[in-house]
C-alpha atoms as a PDB file:
ATOM      1  CA  MET A   1    -134.975   8.745 -41.883  1.00  0.00           C
ATOM      2  CA  PRO A   2    -138.193   7.026 -40.167  1.00  0.00           C
ATOM      3  CA  THR A   3    -137.722   3.680 -39.634  1.00  0.00           C
ATOM      4  CA  SER A   4    -139.519   1.087 -41.387  1.00  0.00           C
ATOM      5  CA  ALA A   5    -140.910  -2.626 -40.706  1.00  0.00           C
ATOM      6  CA  ASP A   6    -138.025  -4.238 -42.612  1.00  0.00           C
ATOM      7  CA  ASP A   7    -135.483  -2.180 -40.240  1.00  0.00           C
ATOM      8  CA  LEU A   8    -136.289  -3.775 -37.470  1.00  0.00           C
ATOM      9  CA  THR A   9    -137.164  -7.143 -38.774  1.00  0.00           C
ATOM     10  CA  ILE A  10    -134.368 -10.025 -37.693  1.00  0.00           C
ATOM     11  CA  TYR A  11    -132.548 -12.195 -39.968  1.00  0.00           C
ATOM     12  CA  TYR A  12    -131.976 -15.695 -38.821  1.00  0.00           C
ATOM     13  CA  PRO A  13    -130.291 -17.333 -41.424  1.00  0.00           C
ATOM     14  CA  PHE A  14    -129.910 -20.707 -39.832  1.00  0.00           C
ATOM     15  CA  GLU A  15    -133.365 -22.063 -41.047  1.00  0.00           C
ATOM     16  CA  GLY A  16    -131.716 -23.744 -44.229  1.00  0.00           C
ATOM     17  CA  MET A  17    -127.987 -22.586 -42.949  1.00  0.00           C
ATOM     18  CA  ARG A  18    -127.923 -19.651 -45.303  1.00  0.00           C
ATOM     19  CA  PHE A  19    -124.488 -18.873 -45.136  1.00  0.00           C
ATOM     20  CA  GLY A  20    -123.134 -18.982 -49.106  1.00  0.00           C
ATOM     21  CA  PRO A  21    -122.080 -16.187 -51.252  1.00  0.00           C
ATOM     22  CA  GLU A  22    -125.800 -15.390 -52.589  1.00  0.00           C
ATOM     23  CA  GLN A  23    -127.065 -14.124 -49.489  1.00  0.00           C
ATOM     24  CA  CYS A  24    -126.094 -11.088 -47.745  1.00  0.00           C
ATOM     25  CA  PHE A  25    -124.802 -12.211 -43.897  1.00  0.00           C
ATOM     26  CA  LEU A  26    -126.381  -8.995 -42.397  1.00  0.00           C
ATOM     27  CA  CYS A  27    -130.217  -9.033 -44.088  1.00  0.00           C
ATOM     28  CA  GLY A  28    -130.215 -11.985 -46.154  1.00  0.00           C
ATOM     29  CA  ARG A  29    -130.822  -9.820 -49.741  1.00  0.00           C
ATOM     30  CA  PRO A  30    -129.686 -11.766 -52.747  1.00  0.00           C
ATOM     31  CA  THR A  31    -126.407 -10.943 -53.551  1.00  0.00           C
ATOM     32  CA  THR A  32    -124.371 -11.062 -56.536  1.00  0.00           C
ATOM     33  CA  PRO A  33    -120.783 -12.757 -55.509  1.00  0.00           C
ATOM     34  CA  PRO A  34    -118.186 -11.472 -55.835  1.00  0.00           C
ATOM     35  CA  THR A  35    -119.242  -8.060 -56.248  1.00  0.00           C
ATOM     36  CA  ASP A  36    -121.721  -7.899 -53.321  1.00  0.00           C
ATOM     37  CA  SER A  37    -118.947  -8.816 -50.501  1.00  0.00           C
ATOM     38  CA  VAL A  38    -116.320  -7.304 -48.046  1.00  0.00           C
ATOM     39  CA  PRO A  39    -113.462  -8.262 -46.502  1.00  0.00           C
ATOM     40  CA  VAL A  40    -113.540 -10.104 -42.952  1.00  0.00           C
ATOM     41  CA  PHE A  41    -110.359  -7.689 -42.233  1.00  0.00           C
ATOM     42  CA  ALA A  42    -110.857  -4.307 -43.512  1.00  0.00           C
ATOM     43  CA  PRO A  43    -109.040  -2.557 -45.848  1.00  0.00           C
ATOM     44  CA  TRP A  44    -107.599   0.139 -43.456  1.00  0.00           C
ATOM     45  CA  LEU A  45    -106.577  -2.927 -41.334  1.00  0.00           C
ATOM     46  CA  GLN A  46    -105.010  -4.868 -44.258  1.00  0.00           C
ATOM     47  CA  GLU A  47    -103.162  -1.245 -45.621  1.00  0.00           C
ATOM     48  CA  ARG A  48    -101.742  -0.628 -41.972  1.00  0.00           C
ATOM     49  CA  TYR A  49    -100.516  -4.063 -41.126  1.00  0.00           C
ATOM     50  CA  GLN A  50     -99.527  -5.102 -44.816  1.00  0.00           C
ATOM     51  CA  LEU A  51    -101.892  -8.050 -44.159  1.00  0.00           C
ATOM     52  CA  ALA A  52    -103.534  -8.690 -47.979  1.00  0.00           C
ATOM     53  CA  ASN A  53    -101.028 -11.485 -48.806  1.00  0.00           C
ATOM     54  CA  ARG A  54    -100.131 -12.801 -45.252  1.00  0.00           C
ATOM     55  CA  GLN A  55    -101.552 -16.312 -44.970  1.00  0.00           C
ATOM     56  CA  ILE A  56    -104.064 -18.030 -42.378  1.00  0.00           C
ATOM     57  CA  LEU A  57    -104.086 -22.056 -42.111  1.00  0.00           C
ATOM     58  CA  LEU A  58    -107.729 -23.122 -41.985  1.00  0.00           C
ATOM     59  CA  LEU A  59    -108.651 -25.998 -39.873  1.00  0.00           C
ATOM     60  CA  ASP A  60    -108.774 -28.523 -42.811  1.00  0.00           C
ATOM     61  CA  GLN A  61    -105.315 -27.702 -43.298  1.00  0.00           C
ATOM     62  CA  SER A  62    -105.940 -25.105 -46.816  1.00  0.00           C
ATOM     63  CA  VAL A  63    -104.159 -21.954 -46.952  1.00  0.00           C
ATOM     64  CA  VAL A  64    -105.934 -18.538 -47.168  1.00  0.00           C
ATOM     65  CA  THR A  65    -104.631 -14.792 -47.294  1.00  0.00           C
ATOM     66  CA  TYR A  66    -106.543 -11.805 -45.277  1.00  0.00           C
ATOM     67  CA  SER A  67    -107.687 -10.452 -48.746  1.00  0.00           C
ATOM     68  CA  ASP A  68    -109.100 -13.740 -49.655  1.00  0.00           C
ATOM     69  CA  LEU A  69    -111.418 -14.045 -46.517  1.00  0.00           C
ATOM     70  CA  ARG A  70    -114.597 -12.333 -47.948  1.00  0.00           C
ATOM     71  CA  ILE A  71    -118.273 -12.026 -46.615  1.00  0.00           C
ATOM     72  CA  PRO A  72    -121.657 -11.676 -48.365  1.00  0.00           C
ATOM     73  CA  CYS A  73    -122.824  -8.291 -48.131  1.00  0.00           C
ATOM     74  CA  CYS A  74    -125.413  -6.637 -49.852  1.00  0.00           C
ATOM     75  CA  PRO A  75    -124.558  -2.654 -51.084  1.00  0.00           C
ATOM     76  CA  ARG A  76    -127.258  -1.456 -47.979  1.00  0.00           C
ATOM     77  CA  CYS A  77    -125.962  -3.089 -45.603  1.00  0.00           C
ATOM     78  CA  HIS A  78    -122.263  -2.120 -46.705  1.00  0.00           C
ATOM     79  CA  THR A  79    -122.866   1.386 -46.904  1.00  0.00           C
ATOM     80  CA  GLN A  80    -125.305   2.039 -43.854  1.00  0.00           C
ATOM     81  CA  HIS A  81    -123.747  -0.504 -41.419  1.00  0.00           C
ATOM     82  CA  VAL A  82    -120.625  -2.021 -42.149  1.00  0.00           C
ATOM     83  CA  ALA A  83    -118.497   0.970 -43.432  1.00  0.00           C
ATOM     84  CA  PRO A  84    -119.715   3.325 -40.970  1.00  0.00           C
ATOM     85  CA  LEU A  85    -118.330   0.691 -38.055  1.00  0.00           C
ATOM     86  CA  GLU A  86    -115.162   0.120 -39.530  1.00  0.00           C
ATOM     87  CA  ALA A  87    -114.664   4.322 -40.150  1.00  0.00           C
ATOM     88  CA  THR A  88    -115.806   4.584 -36.548  1.00  0.00           C
ATOM     89  CA  VAL A  89    -113.290   2.095 -35.148  1.00  0.00           C
ATOM     90  CA  GLU A  90    -110.500   3.201 -37.638  1.00  0.00           C
ATOM     91  CA  LYS A  91    -110.654   6.391 -36.111  1.00  0.00           C
ATOM     92  CA  ALA A  92    -110.212   5.382 -33.085  1.00  0.00           C
ATOM     93  CA  ALA A  93    -107.665   2.961 -33.602  1.00  0.00           C
ATOM     94  CA  ALA A  94    -105.579   5.811 -35.048  1.00  0.00           C
ATOM     95  CA  GLN A  95    -105.620   7.963 -32.003  1.00  0.00           C
ATOM     96  CA  GLY A  96    -104.321   4.876 -29.948  1.00  0.00           C
ATOM     97  CA  LEU A  97    -105.174   3.086 -26.040  1.00  0.00           C
ATOM     98  CA  ASP A  98    -107.253   5.705 -24.532  1.00  0.00           C
ATOM     99  CA  ALA A  99    -109.317   6.377 -27.890  1.00  0.00           C
ATOM    100  CA  ILE A 100    -110.141   2.413 -28.108  1.00  0.00           C
ATOM    101  CA  ARG A 101    -110.938   2.180 -24.746  1.00  0.00           C
ATOM    102  CA  ALA A 102    -113.564   5.559 -24.931  1.00  0.00           C
ATOM    103  CA  LEU A 103    -115.832   3.408 -27.646  1.00  0.00           C
ATOM    104  CA  ASP A 104    -118.843   2.088 -26.086  1.00  0.00           C
ATOM    105  CA  GLU A 105    -118.130  -1.747 -25.277  1.00  0.00           C
ATOM    106  CA  LYS A 106    -121.742  -2.545 -28.227  1.00  0.00           C
ATOM    107  CA  THR A 107    -118.989  -1.129 -31.316  1.00  0.00           C
ATOM    108  CA  LEU A 108    -116.325  -3.714 -29.730  1.00  0.00           C
ATOM    109  CA  PHE A 109    -118.102  -6.340 -29.421  1.00  0.00           C
ATOM    110  CA  LEU A 110    -119.809  -5.509 -32.847  1.00  0.00           C
ATOM    111  CA  TRP A 111    -116.433  -4.800 -34.917  1.00  0.00           C
ATOM    112  CA  LEU A 112    -114.805  -8.029 -33.287  1.00  0.00           C
ATOM    113  CA  GLY A 113    -117.904  -9.964 -34.119  1.00  0.00           C
ATOM    114  CA  LYS A 114    -118.053  -8.978 -37.969  1.00  0.00           C
ATOM    115  CA  MET A 115    -114.061 -10.718 -37.913  1.00  0.00           C
ATOM    116  CA  PHE A 116    -115.132 -13.532 -36.163  1.00  0.00           C
ATOM    117  CA  TYR A 117    -118.329 -14.140 -38.391  1.00  0.00           C
ATOM    118  CA  GLY A 118    -116.579 -14.063 -41.598  1.00  0.00           C
ATOM    119  CA  VAL A 119    -113.591 -16.223 -40.220  1.00  0.00           C
ATOM    120  CA  LEU A 120    -116.145 -18.854 -38.139  1.00  0.00           C
ATOM    121  CA  VAL A 121    -118.391 -19.103 -41.882  1.00  0.00           C
ATOM    122  CA  THR A 122    -115.537 -19.509 -43.734  1.00  0.00           C
ATOM    123  CA  GLU A 123    -114.231 -22.013 -41.913  1.00  0.00           C
ATOM    124  CA  LEU A 124    -117.901 -23.913 -42.170  1.00  0.00           C
ATOM    125  CA  LEU A 125    -118.087 -23.261 -46.107  1.00  0.00           C
ATOM    126  CA  THR A 126    -114.698 -24.873 -46.351  1.00  0.00           C
ATOM    127  CA  GLU A 127    -115.969 -28.095 -44.586  1.00  0.00           C
ATOM    128  CA  LEU A 128    -118.261 -28.608 -47.327  1.00  0.00           C
ATOM    129  CA  ASP A 129    -115.298 -29.628 -49.503  1.00  0.00           C
ATOM    130  CA  PRO A 130    -112.257 -29.990 -46.929  1.00  0.00           C
ATOM    131  CA  LEU A 131    -108.685 -30.620 -48.047  1.00  0.00           C
ATOM    132  CA  VAL A 132    -108.318 -32.771 -45.008  1.00  0.00           C
ATOM    133  CA  LYS A 133    -110.951 -33.601 -42.505  1.00  0.00           C
ATOM    134  CA  PRO A 134    -110.434 -31.917 -39.479  1.00  0.00           C
ATOM    135  CA  ARG A 135    -110.507 -34.208 -36.578  1.00  0.00           C
ATOM    136  CA  TYR A 136    -113.356 -32.390 -34.631  1.00  0.00           C
ATOM    137  CA  PRO A 137    -115.659 -30.754 -37.715  1.00  0.00           C
ATOM    138  CA  LEU A 138    -117.483 -27.318 -36.461  1.00  0.00           C
ATOM    139  CA  ALA A 139    -120.816 -28.153 -37.986  1.00  0.00           C
ATOM    140  CA  GLU A 140    -120.643 -31.360 -35.695  1.00  0.00           C
ATOM    141  CA  ASN A 141    -120.335 -29.593 -32.805  1.00  0.00           C
ATOM    142  CA  ALA A 142    -123.774 -28.904 -31.801  1.00  0.00           C
ATOM    143  CA  GLN A 143    -122.906 -26.983 -28.686  1.00  0.00           C
ATOM    144  CA  MET A 144    -120.655 -24.703 -30.976  1.00  0.00           C
ATOM    145  CA  LEU A 145    -124.065 -24.303 -32.985  1.00  0.00           C
ATOM    146  CA  ARG A 146    -126.250 -23.453 -30.430  1.00  0.00           C
ATOM    147  CA  ARG A 147    -123.524 -20.431 -29.397  1.00  0.00           C
ATOM    148  CA  PHE A 148    -123.450 -18.688 -32.701  1.00  0.00           C
ATOM    149  CA  GLN A 149    -127.178 -18.676 -32.688  1.00  0.00           C
ATOM    150  CA  ALA A 150    -127.267 -16.825 -29.361  1.00  0.00           C
ATOM    151  CA  PHE A 151    -124.357 -14.937 -31.090  1.00  0.00           C
ATOM    152  CA  PHE A 152    -125.786 -14.091 -34.212  1.00  0.00           C
ATOM    153  CA  GLN A 153    -128.967 -12.862 -32.803  1.00  0.00           C
ATOM    154  CA  THR A 154    -127.258 -10.212 -30.759  1.00  0.00           C
ATOM    155  CA  PHE A 155    -124.905  -9.430 -33.500  1.00  0.00           C
ATOM    156  CA  GLN A 156    -127.700  -8.041 -35.585  1.00  0.00           C
ATOM    157  CA  ALA A 157    -127.328  -5.112 -33.694  1.00  0.00           C
ATOM    158  CA  LEU A 158    -125.208  -4.093 -36.543  1.00  0.00           C
ATOM    159  CA  ARG A 159    -128.193  -4.148 -38.816  1.00  0.00           C
ATOM    160  CA  VAL A 160    -130.841  -2.989 -36.445  1.00  0.00           C
ATOM    161  CA  PRO A 161    -131.383  -1.020 -33.546  1.00  0.00           C
ATOM    162  CA  ILE A 162    -131.123  -2.800 -30.583  1.00  0.00           C
ATOM    163  CA  VAL A 163    -131.473  -2.200 -26.865  1.00  0.00           C
ATOM    164  CA  PHE A 164    -129.718  -4.605 -24.545  1.00  0.00           C
ATOM    165  CA  GLU A 165    -131.957  -4.510 -21.994  1.00  0.00           C
ATOM    166  CA  ASP A 166    -129.856  -4.706 -18.316  1.00  0.00           C
ATOM    167  CA  PHE A 167    -127.222  -7.124 -20.218  1.00  0.00           C
ATOM    168  CA  SER A 168    -124.231  -6.740 -22.332  1.00  0.00           C
ATOM    169  CA  PRO A 169    -124.253  -9.643 -25.049  1.00  0.00           C
ATOM    170  CA  ALA A 170    -120.271  -9.876 -24.590  1.00  0.00           C
ATOM    171  CA  SER A 171    -117.527  -9.812 -22.335  1.00  0.00           C
ATOM    172  CA  VAL A 172    -114.919  -7.574 -23.702  1.00  0.00           C
ATOM    173  CA  PHE A 173    -111.586  -6.466 -22.695  1.00  0.00           C
ATOM    174  CA  VAL A 174    -108.750  -3.704 -23.671  1.00  0.00           C
ATOM    175  CA  LEU A 175    -105.320  -4.499 -22.527  1.00  0.00           C
ATOM    176  CA  GLU A 176    -102.227  -2.426 -22.588  1.00  0.00           C
ATOM    177  CA  VAL A 177     -99.001  -4.086 -23.856  1.00  0.00           C
ATOM    178  CA  ASP A 178     -95.780  -2.467 -22.913  1.00  0.00           C
ATOM    179  CA  PRO A 179     -94.212  -1.337 -25.855  1.00  0.00           C
ATOM    180  CA  GLN A 180     -91.012  -1.506 -24.730  1.00  0.00           C
ATOM    181  CA  GLN A 181     -91.411  -5.424 -24.436  1.00  0.00           C
ATOM    182  CA  ASP A 182     -92.946  -5.815 -27.718  1.00  0.00           C
ATOM    183  CA  THR A 183     -92.651  -5.074 -31.394  1.00  0.00           C
ATOM    184  CA  VAL A 184     -95.469  -6.957 -32.773  1.00  0.00           C
ATOM    185  CA  PRO A 185     -97.940  -4.910 -34.478  1.00  0.00           C
ATOM    186  CA  PHE A 186    -100.582  -7.076 -35.442  1.00  0.00           C
ATOM    187  CA  GLU A 187    -101.880 -10.131 -34.180  1.00  0.00           C
ATOM    188  CA  TYR A 188    -105.330 -12.081 -33.851  1.00  0.00           C
ATOM    189  CA  ASP A 189    -106.287 -15.493 -32.814  1.00  0.00           C
ATOM    190  CA  ASP A 190    -109.747 -17.260 -31.899  1.00  0.00           C
ATOM    191  CA  ASP A 191    -111.101 -20.480 -30.673  1.00  0.00           C
ATOM    192  CA  LEU A 192    -114.185 -20.991 -32.501  1.00  0.00           C
ATOM    193  CA  THR A 193    -115.725 -22.913 -30.702  1.00  0.00           C
ATOM    194  CA  THR A 194    -116.141 -21.061 -27.387  1.00  0.00           C
ATOM    195  CA  MET A 195    -116.945 -17.684 -29.489  1.00  0.00           C
ATOM    196  CA  THR A 196    -113.964 -15.891 -28.477  1.00  0.00           C
ATOM    197  CA  PHE A 197    -111.501 -13.595 -30.474  1.00  0.00           C
ATOM    198  CA  SER A 198    -108.855 -11.395 -29.872  1.00  0.00           C
ATOM    199  CA  ILE A 199    -106.840  -9.055 -32.130  1.00  0.00           C
ATOM    200  CA  LYS A 200    -103.398  -6.787 -31.065  1.00  0.00           C
ATOM    201  CA  LEU A 201    -103.350  -3.622 -32.882  1.00  0.00           C
ATOM    202  CA  ASP A 202     -99.662  -1.906 -31.946  1.00  0.00           C
ATOM    203  CA  ASN A 203     -99.777  -1.390 -28.413  1.00  0.00           C
ATOM    204  CA  VAL A 204    -103.832  -2.368 -27.467  1.00  0.00           C
ATOM    205  CA  VAL A 205    -105.097  -6.091 -27.279  1.00  0.00           C
ATOM    206  CA  ILE A 206    -108.913  -6.161 -27.929  1.00  0.00           C
ATOM    207  CA  MET A 207    -110.194  -9.535 -26.630  1.00  0.00           C
ATOM    208  CA  ALA A 208    -114.035 -10.654 -26.096  1.00  0.00           C
ATOM    209  CA  CYS A 209    -116.124 -13.846 -25.054  1.00  0.00           C
ATOM    210  CA  LEU A 210    -119.079 -13.081 -27.881  1.00  0.00           C
ATOM    211  CA  PHE A 211    -121.886 -14.859 -26.343  1.00  0.00           C
ATOM    212  CA  ASP A 212    -121.696 -15.020 -22.511  1.00  0.00           C
ATOM    213  CA  ASN A 213    -123.741 -11.916 -21.607  1.00  0.00           C
ATOM    214  CA  GLY A 214    -120.719 -10.084 -19.737  1.00  0.00           C
ATOM    215  CA  ILE A 215    -120.385 -13.070 -17.329  1.00  0.00           C
ATOM    216  CA  ILE A 216    -116.810 -14.141 -17.735  1.00  0.00           C
ATOM    217  CA  ARG A 217    -115.926  -9.883 -17.418  1.00  0.00           C
ATOM    218  CA  GLN A 218    -117.902 -10.176 -14.123  1.00  0.00           C
ATOM    219  CA  ALA A 219    -116.160 -13.317 -12.978  1.00  0.00           C
ATOM    220  CA  MET A 220    -112.740 -11.593 -14.185  1.00  0.00           C
ATOM    221  CA  ARG A 221    -113.286  -8.254 -12.578  1.00  0.00           C
ATOM    222  CA  ARG A 222    -110.631  -8.155 -10.095  1.00  0.00           C
ATOM    223  CA  VAL A 223    -108.147  -9.353 -12.294  1.00  0.00           C
ATOM    224  CA  TYR A 224    -109.300  -7.005 -15.367  1.00  0.00           C
ATOM    225  CA  THR A 225    -108.921  -4.242 -13.051  1.00  0.00           C
ATOM    226  CA  ASP A 226    -105.282  -5.386 -12.208  1.00  0.00           C
ATOM    227  CA  ALA A 227    -104.371  -5.301 -15.504  1.00  0.00           C
ATOM    228  CA  GLN A 228    -104.976  -1.863 -16.433  1.00  0.00           C
ATOM    229  CA  ARG A 229    -101.436  -0.838 -16.410  1.00  0.00           C
ATOM    230  CA  PRO A 230     -98.874  -1.830 -18.920  1.00  0.00           C
ATOM    231  CA  LEU A 231     -98.010  -5.240 -19.453  1.00  0.00           C
ATOM    232  CA  HIS A 232     -95.759  -7.559 -20.499  1.00  0.00           C
ATOM    233  CA  PRO A 233     -96.487  -9.777 -23.809  1.00  0.00           C
ATOM    234  CA  ILE A 234     -96.358 -13.065 -21.303  1.00  0.00           C
ATOM    235  CA  GLN A 235     -98.684 -11.559 -19.049  1.00  0.00           C
ATOM    236  CA  VAL A 236    -101.285 -10.624 -21.922  1.00  0.00           C
ATOM    237  CA  ALA A 237    -101.063 -13.843 -22.713  1.00  0.00           C
ATOM    238  CA  GLU A 238    -101.984 -15.636 -19.129  1.00  0.00           C
ATOM    239  CA  PHE A 239    -104.681 -13.122 -19.348  1.00  0.00           C
ATOM    240  CA  LYS A 240    -106.149 -14.422 -22.734  1.00  0.00           C
ATOM    241  CA  ALA A 241    -105.491 -17.937 -21.432  1.00  0.00           C
ATOM    242  CA  ARG A 242    -107.935 -17.125 -18.388  1.00  0.00           C
ATOM    243  CA  VAL A 243    -110.612 -15.966 -20.592  1.00  0.00           C
ATOM    244  CA  TYR A 244    -110.423 -18.470 -23.422  1.00  0.00           C
ATOM    245  CA  TYR A 245    -110.478 -21.421 -20.583  1.00  0.00           C
ATOM    246  CA  ALA A 246    -113.613 -19.547 -18.633  1.00  0.00           C
ATOM    247  CA  ALA A 247    -115.032 -19.307 -22.221  1.00  0.00           C
ATOM    248  CA  TYR A 248    -114.462 -23.380 -22.157  1.00  0.00           C
ATOM    249  CA  LEU A 249    -115.845 -23.951 -18.745  1.00  0.00           C
ATOM    250  CA  PHE A 250    -118.855 -21.588 -19.582  1.00  0.00           C
ATOM    251  CA  ASN A 251    -121.555 -24.149 -19.580  1.00  0.00           C
ATOM    252  CA  VAL A 252    -124.986 -22.145 -20.593  1.00  0.00           C
ATOM    253  CA  VAL A 253    -126.512 -20.569 -23.429  1.00  0.00           C
ATOM    254  CA  PRO A 254    -128.408 -17.463 -23.278  1.00  0.00           C
ATOM    255  CA  ASP A 255    -131.709 -17.177 -24.818  1.00  0.00           C
ATOM    256  CA  TYR A 256    -132.800 -13.084 -25.713  1.00  0.00           C
ATOM    257  CA  PHE A 257    -136.320 -12.497 -26.430  1.00  0.00           C
ATOM    258  CA  PRO A 258    -137.110  -9.463 -28.576  1.00  0.00           C
ATOM    259  CA  ARG A 259    -140.101  -7.416 -27.335  1.00  0.00           C
ATOM    260  CA  PRO A 260    -142.821  -6.848 -30.181  1.00  0.00           C
ATOM    261  CA  VAL A 261    -142.471  -3.941 -32.098  1.00  0.00           C
ATOM    262  CA  GLN A 262    -145.653  -1.407 -31.153  1.00  0.00           C
ATOM    263  CA  ALA A 263    -146.725   1.225 -34.055  1.00  0.00           C
ATOM    264  CA  GLY A 264    -143.706   4.476 -33.956  1.00  0.00           C
ATOM    265  CA  ASP A 265    -140.918   1.909 -32.361  1.00  0.00           C
ATOM    266  CA  ASP A 266    -137.712   3.218 -33.879  1.00  0.00           C
ATOM    267  CA  HIS A 267    -135.546  -0.156 -32.094  1.00  0.00           C
ATOM    268  CA  ILE A 268    -136.050  -3.010 -30.532  1.00  0.00           C
ATOM    269  CA  VAL A 269    -135.699  -4.022 -26.842  1.00  0.00           C
ATOM    270  CA  TYR A 270    -133.788  -7.436 -26.149  1.00  0.00           C
ATOM    271  CA  ASP A 271    -134.509  -9.557 -22.686  1.00  0.00           C
ATOM    272  CA  THR A 272    -132.408 -12.470 -21.883  1.00  0.00           C
ATOM    273  CA  LEU A 273    -132.659 -15.418 -19.458  1.00  0.00           C
ATOM    274  CA  ILE A 274    -130.183 -17.475 -18.631  1.00  0.00           C
ATOM    275  CA  ASP A 275    -131.146 -21.357 -17.507  1.00  0.00           C
ATOM    276  CA  ASP A 276    -128.969 -21.467 -14.471  1.00  0.00           C
ATOM    277  CA  ILE A 277    -131.138 -23.609 -12.347  1.00  0.00           C
ATOM    278  CA  THR A 278    -130.262 -26.906 -14.375  1.00  0.00           C
ATOM    279  CA  SER A 279    -127.267 -26.475 -15.441  1.00  0.00           C
ATOM    280  CA  GLU A 280    -124.294 -24.924 -13.917  1.00  0.00           C
ATOM    281  CA  VAL A 281    -123.419 -21.463 -15.306  1.00  0.00           C
ATOM    282  CA  PHE A 282    -119.311 -22.626 -15.235  1.00  0.00           C
ATOM    283  CA  ASN A 283    -118.081 -26.738 -15.037  1.00  0.00           C
ATOM    284  CA  PRO A 284    -115.643 -26.865 -12.153  1.00  0.00           C
ATOM    285  CA  TRP A 285    -112.450 -25.085 -13.081  1.00  0.00           C
ATOM    286  CA  GLU A 286    -109.479 -27.991 -13.451  1.00  0.00           C
ATOM    287  CA  ASN A 287    -105.680 -26.505 -13.175  1.00  0.00           C
ATOM    288  CA  SER A 288    -104.347 -29.329 -15.301  1.00  0.00           C
ATOM    289  CA  ALA A 289    -106.928 -28.186 -18.306  1.00  0.00           C
ATOM    290  CA  TYR A 290    -106.239 -24.131 -17.360  1.00  0.00           C
ATOM    291  CA  GLY A 291    -102.271 -25.448 -17.864  1.00  0.00           C
ATOM    292  CA  GLN A 292    -102.937 -26.671 -21.117  1.00  0.00           C
ATOM    293  CA  SER A 293    -104.387 -23.254 -21.901  1.00  0.00           C
ATOM    294  CA  LEU A 294    -101.260 -21.475 -20.272  1.00  0.00           C
ATOM    295  CA  LEU A 295     -98.873 -24.037 -22.548  1.00  0.00           C
ATOM    296  CA  GLU A 296    -100.695 -23.023 -25.730  1.00  0.00           C
ATOM    297  CA  MET A 297    -100.955 -19.315 -24.913  1.00  0.00           C
ATOM    298  CA  TRP A 298     -97.294 -19.576 -23.880  1.00  0.00           C
ATOM    299  CA  LYS A 299     -95.698 -21.213 -26.798  1.00  0.00           C
ATOM    300  CA  ARG A 300     -93.657 -17.664 -27.732  1.00  0.00           C
ATOM    301  CA  TRP A 301     -91.753 -18.543 -24.640  1.00  0.00           C
ATOM    302  CA  GLN A 302     -91.372 -22.062 -24.925  1.00  0.00           C
ATOM    303  CA  ILE A 303     -92.570 -22.641 -21.192  1.00  0.00           C
ATOM    304  CA  PRO A 304     -92.895 -26.132 -20.404  1.00  0.00           C
ATOM    305  CA  LEU A 305     -96.059 -27.909 -18.987  1.00  0.00           C
ATOM    306  CA  SER A 306     -93.959 -29.308 -16.172  1.00  0.00           C
ATOM    307  CA  GLU A 307     -93.021 -25.248 -15.533  1.00  0.00           C
ATOM    308  CA  ILE A 308     -96.230 -24.411 -15.430  1.00  0.00           C
ATOM    309  CA  LEU A 309     -97.216 -27.091 -13.483  1.00  0.00           C
ATOM    310  CA  ARG A 310     -94.761 -27.032 -10.968  1.00  0.00           C
ATOM    311  CA  ASP A 311     -96.976 -26.866  -8.179  1.00  0.00           C
ATOM    312  CA  PRO A 312    -100.382 -28.290  -9.370  1.00  0.00           C
ATOM    313  CA  ALA A 313    -102.185 -26.258  -6.967  1.00  0.00           C
ATOM    314  CA  GLN A 314    -100.731 -22.885  -7.815  1.00  0.00           C
ATOM    315  CA  PRO A 315    -100.424 -22.756 -12.106  1.00  0.00           C
ATOM    316  CA  LEU A 316     -97.353 -20.746 -12.789  1.00  0.00           C
ATOM    317  CA  SER A 317     -98.441 -16.819 -12.968  1.00  0.00           C
ATOM    318  CA  PHE A 318     -96.487 -13.885 -14.285  1.00  0.00           C
ATOM    319  CA  LEU A 319     -99.706 -11.752 -13.524  1.00  0.00           C
ATOM    320  CA  TYR A 320     -99.465 -12.642  -9.544  1.00  0.00           C
ATOM    321  CA  ASP A 321     -97.016 -13.441  -7.082  1.00  0.00           C
ATOM    322  CA  ALA A 322     -97.419 -16.763  -4.719  1.00  0.00           C
ATOM    323  CA  ASP A 323     -99.215 -14.152  -2.327  1.00  0.00           C
ATOM    324  CA  GLY A 324    -101.678 -12.949  -4.941  1.00  0.00           C
ATOM    325  CA  VAL A 325     -99.702  -9.340  -5.078  1.00  0.00           C
ATOM    326  CA  SER A 326     -99.341  -8.118  -8.553  1.00  0.00           C
ATOM    327  CA  ARG A 327     -96.267  -8.735 -10.401  1.00  0.00           C
ATOM    328  CA  ASN A 328     -94.481  -6.511 -12.353  1.00  0.00           C
ATOM    329  CA  ILE A 329     -92.361  -8.057 -15.336  1.00  0.00           C
ATOM    330  CA  GLU A 330     -89.840  -5.896 -17.181  1.00  0.00           C
ATOM    331  CA  LYS A 331     -88.276  -8.740 -19.079  1.00  0.00           C
ATOM    332  CA  TYR A 332     -88.551 -12.291 -19.672  1.00  0.00           C
ATOM    333  CA  PRO A 333     -87.078 -14.921 -18.310  1.00  0.00           C
ATOM    334  CA  VAL A 334     -86.780 -13.137 -15.230  1.00  0.00           C
END
């Protein structure tokens, strides 16, 4: 089927903040709620992990179930874009770790991005009539909205054939959890202000910062290489703390420039630019703040902050020993 001009038109919902139930989240076409919608967490995920009636606490303290979370989607975008993406990931997830690692990074970015988008927009719309006003409303966070705009430009690759010229829009990580040490089949968490998202499928953890042009992954390449082995869940939590804290420190928002579409083109090429002249790419690392990130990620093990920061110059680590050598953890406590 030849590519039409509509297929190469980028949708930009931020003029007028068109995120309600009457516009498709991918193309902006009118939708009929609730018929024209798709689950944020795909039916195969809900079925495989019995999620439908599990509850999620929103920032305004209201409670929804996984099956409640839906985003407006026109029939065309559903059948041509969302359903094929979910089918691809479902097939890989059924085959396990190696098949998930074999997926290209763009596929994982779009899959995580669809869930992230659904959760974020749910929170933004809930803030219009909150149960309890959040302490730090997302809609009042100008930096977060700039990041969301940047993310959405690249997320359009779910609908529009887009080639990213010499860059990847996100830092995506795939880790293996030692199944002997962790029996939790499914988990997900996010930090909406820093555009980070993580999901656990049995012994596979996929996490990403969704708008950083792959810079965090470059900065963590040594740690990520060292983590390509079965990890104790406490080590996965430490890796996650590093990713989430790095996303918190990330201080720039990429700009994207679609090249002009010529007659006969069947895709759009994106170039990118990061203004690292007037701003540092990362704010300075502070061990005390990183310790707070570890405290949050290690809640399950109830490790106190005093233990995490016993040596303020070298926070507690289960990935590395005091000499910087990779550690193997068979059980905790050790």
